[in-house]
Amino acid sequence: MEKKEFIELLNKFEKKTKLFDNRFTRKYHNDDDYWVYSRPAIDCIEPEINLTEDYKVKFIQLDFNNTNTIIEYTYDEFITKYNLNK
C-alpha cells in the first residue's frame, strides 16, 4: 500500500464515523503527515500519528511528563490494529 492510499483510508474512516466515535483527524488543515486520534467523549491527551516516513506509521502516545511513547507500525499493521478497513 502506498502512502496516498493509506491517507485516503484515514479520510474515508473519518467521514463514516458518527459524532462521538473515535477517529483520526488531520492535526493541521493542509498537512497529510500529521494526524490526531480524536476521542470526542473523553477528556484526555490524544495520541498522534506521524506519516512523514513512507510505509511507516509512528504512533505517538503523549503524556503529561513529556516522555512520549512512540510505536512504529506498517500501514497494514496499523489498519488491522485500529480496524480501519471496516
Protein backbone atom coordinates (compact mmCIF):
# COMPACT_ATOMS: atom_id res chain seq x y z
CA MET A 1 0.00 0.00 0.00
CA GLU A 2 1.23 3.47 -0.84
CA LYS A 3 1.05 6.45 1.48
CA LYS A 4 -1.62 8.13 -0.66
CA GLU A 5 -3.87 5.06 -0.34
CA PHE A 6 -3.34 4.96 3.42
CA ILE A 7 -4.31 8.62 3.75
CA GLU A 8 -7.41 8.01 1.64
CA LEU A 9 -8.33 5.20 4.03
CA LEU A 10 -7.93 7.52 7.04
CA ASN A 11 -10.13 10.12 5.33
CA LYS A 12 -12.77 7.54 4.47
CA PHE A 13 -12.77 6.21 8.04
CA GLU A 14 -13.13 9.74 9.43
CA LYS A 15 -16.08 10.58 7.18
CA LYS A 16 -18.10 7.50 8.08
CA THR A 17 -17.73 7.80 11.87
CA LYS A 18 -20.57 9.16 13.95
CA LEU A 19 -20.42 12.33 16.02
CA PHE A 20 -18.99 10.79 19.22
CA ASP A 21 -16.99 7.95 17.63
CA ASN A 22 -13.22 7.81 17.76
CA ARG A 23 -11.48 8.86 14.56
CA PHE A 24 -8.20 10.06 13.12
CA THR A 25 -8.27 13.70 12.01
CA ARG A 26 -5.64 15.91 10.48
CA LYS A 27 -3.66 17.86 13.05
CA TYR A 28 -3.05 20.71 10.62
CA HIS A 29 -5.59 21.67 7.98
CA ASN A 30 -3.45 21.17 4.86
CA ASP A 31 -0.95 18.54 6.03
CA ASP A 32 -1.48 14.83 5.42
CA ASP A 33 1.54 13.79 7.50
CA TYR A 34 0.26 14.62 10.99
CA TRP A 35 -2.93 13.20 12.49
CA VAL A 36 -4.59 13.10 15.92
CA TYR A 37 -6.65 10.24 17.31
CA SER A 38 -9.73 12.17 18.34
CA ARG A 39 -11.81 10.71 21.18
CA PRO A 40 -14.62 13.28 21.50
CA ALA A 41 -16.32 11.84 24.59
CA ILE A 42 -13.09 11.53 26.60
CA ASP A 43 -11.15 14.39 28.17
CA CYS A 44 -7.51 13.35 27.73
CA ILE A 45 -4.32 13.94 25.83
CA GLU A 46 -4.95 12.50 22.40
CA PRO A 47 -2.39 10.28 20.68
CA GLU A 48 -0.94 11.39 17.37
CA ILE A 49 0.32 9.66 14.26
CA ASN A 50 3.16 10.82 12.08
CA LEU A 51 3.35 9.73 8.42
CA THR A 52 6.48 11.59 7.36
CA GLU A 53 8.30 8.33 6.56
CA ASP A 54 6.92 6.25 3.70
CA TYR A 55 5.43 2.86 4.61
CA LYS A 56 5.64 3.66 8.31
CA VAL A 57 3.16 4.98 10.88
CA LYS A 58 4.65 6.44 14.03
CA PHE A 59 2.03 6.26 16.78
CA ILE A 60 2.91 8.81 19.46
CA GLN A 61 1.28 8.46 22.87
CA LEU A 62 1.67 11.81 24.59
CA ASP A 63 1.70 12.17 28.36
CA PHE A 64 1.91 14.90 30.97
CA ASN A 65 5.61 14.30 31.71
CA ASN A 66 6.80 14.83 28.12
CA THR A 67 8.01 11.23 27.99
CA ASN A 68 6.17 10.30 24.84
CA THR A 69 5.96 6.68 23.75
CA ILE A 70 6.46 6.07 20.03
CA ILE A 71 5.39 2.80 18.42
CA GLU A 72 6.08 2.16 14.76
CA TYR A 73 3.69 0.20 12.53
CA THR A 74 3.49 -0.66 8.89
CA TYR A 75 0.37 0.60 7.15
CA ASP A 76 -1.15 -2.90 7.18
CA GLU A 77 -0.40 -3.44 10.87
CA PHE A 78 -2.00 -0.10 11.72
CA ILE A 79 -5.08 -0.79 9.61
CA THR A 80 -5.58 -4.11 11.39
CA LYS A 81 -4.95 -2.73 14.89
CA TYR A 82 -7.44 0.14 14.50
CA ASN A 83 -9.98 -1.68 12.28
CA LEU A 84 -9.75 0.96 9.58
CA ASN A 85 -10.96 -1.38 6.84
CA LYS A 86 -14.48 -1.83 8.25
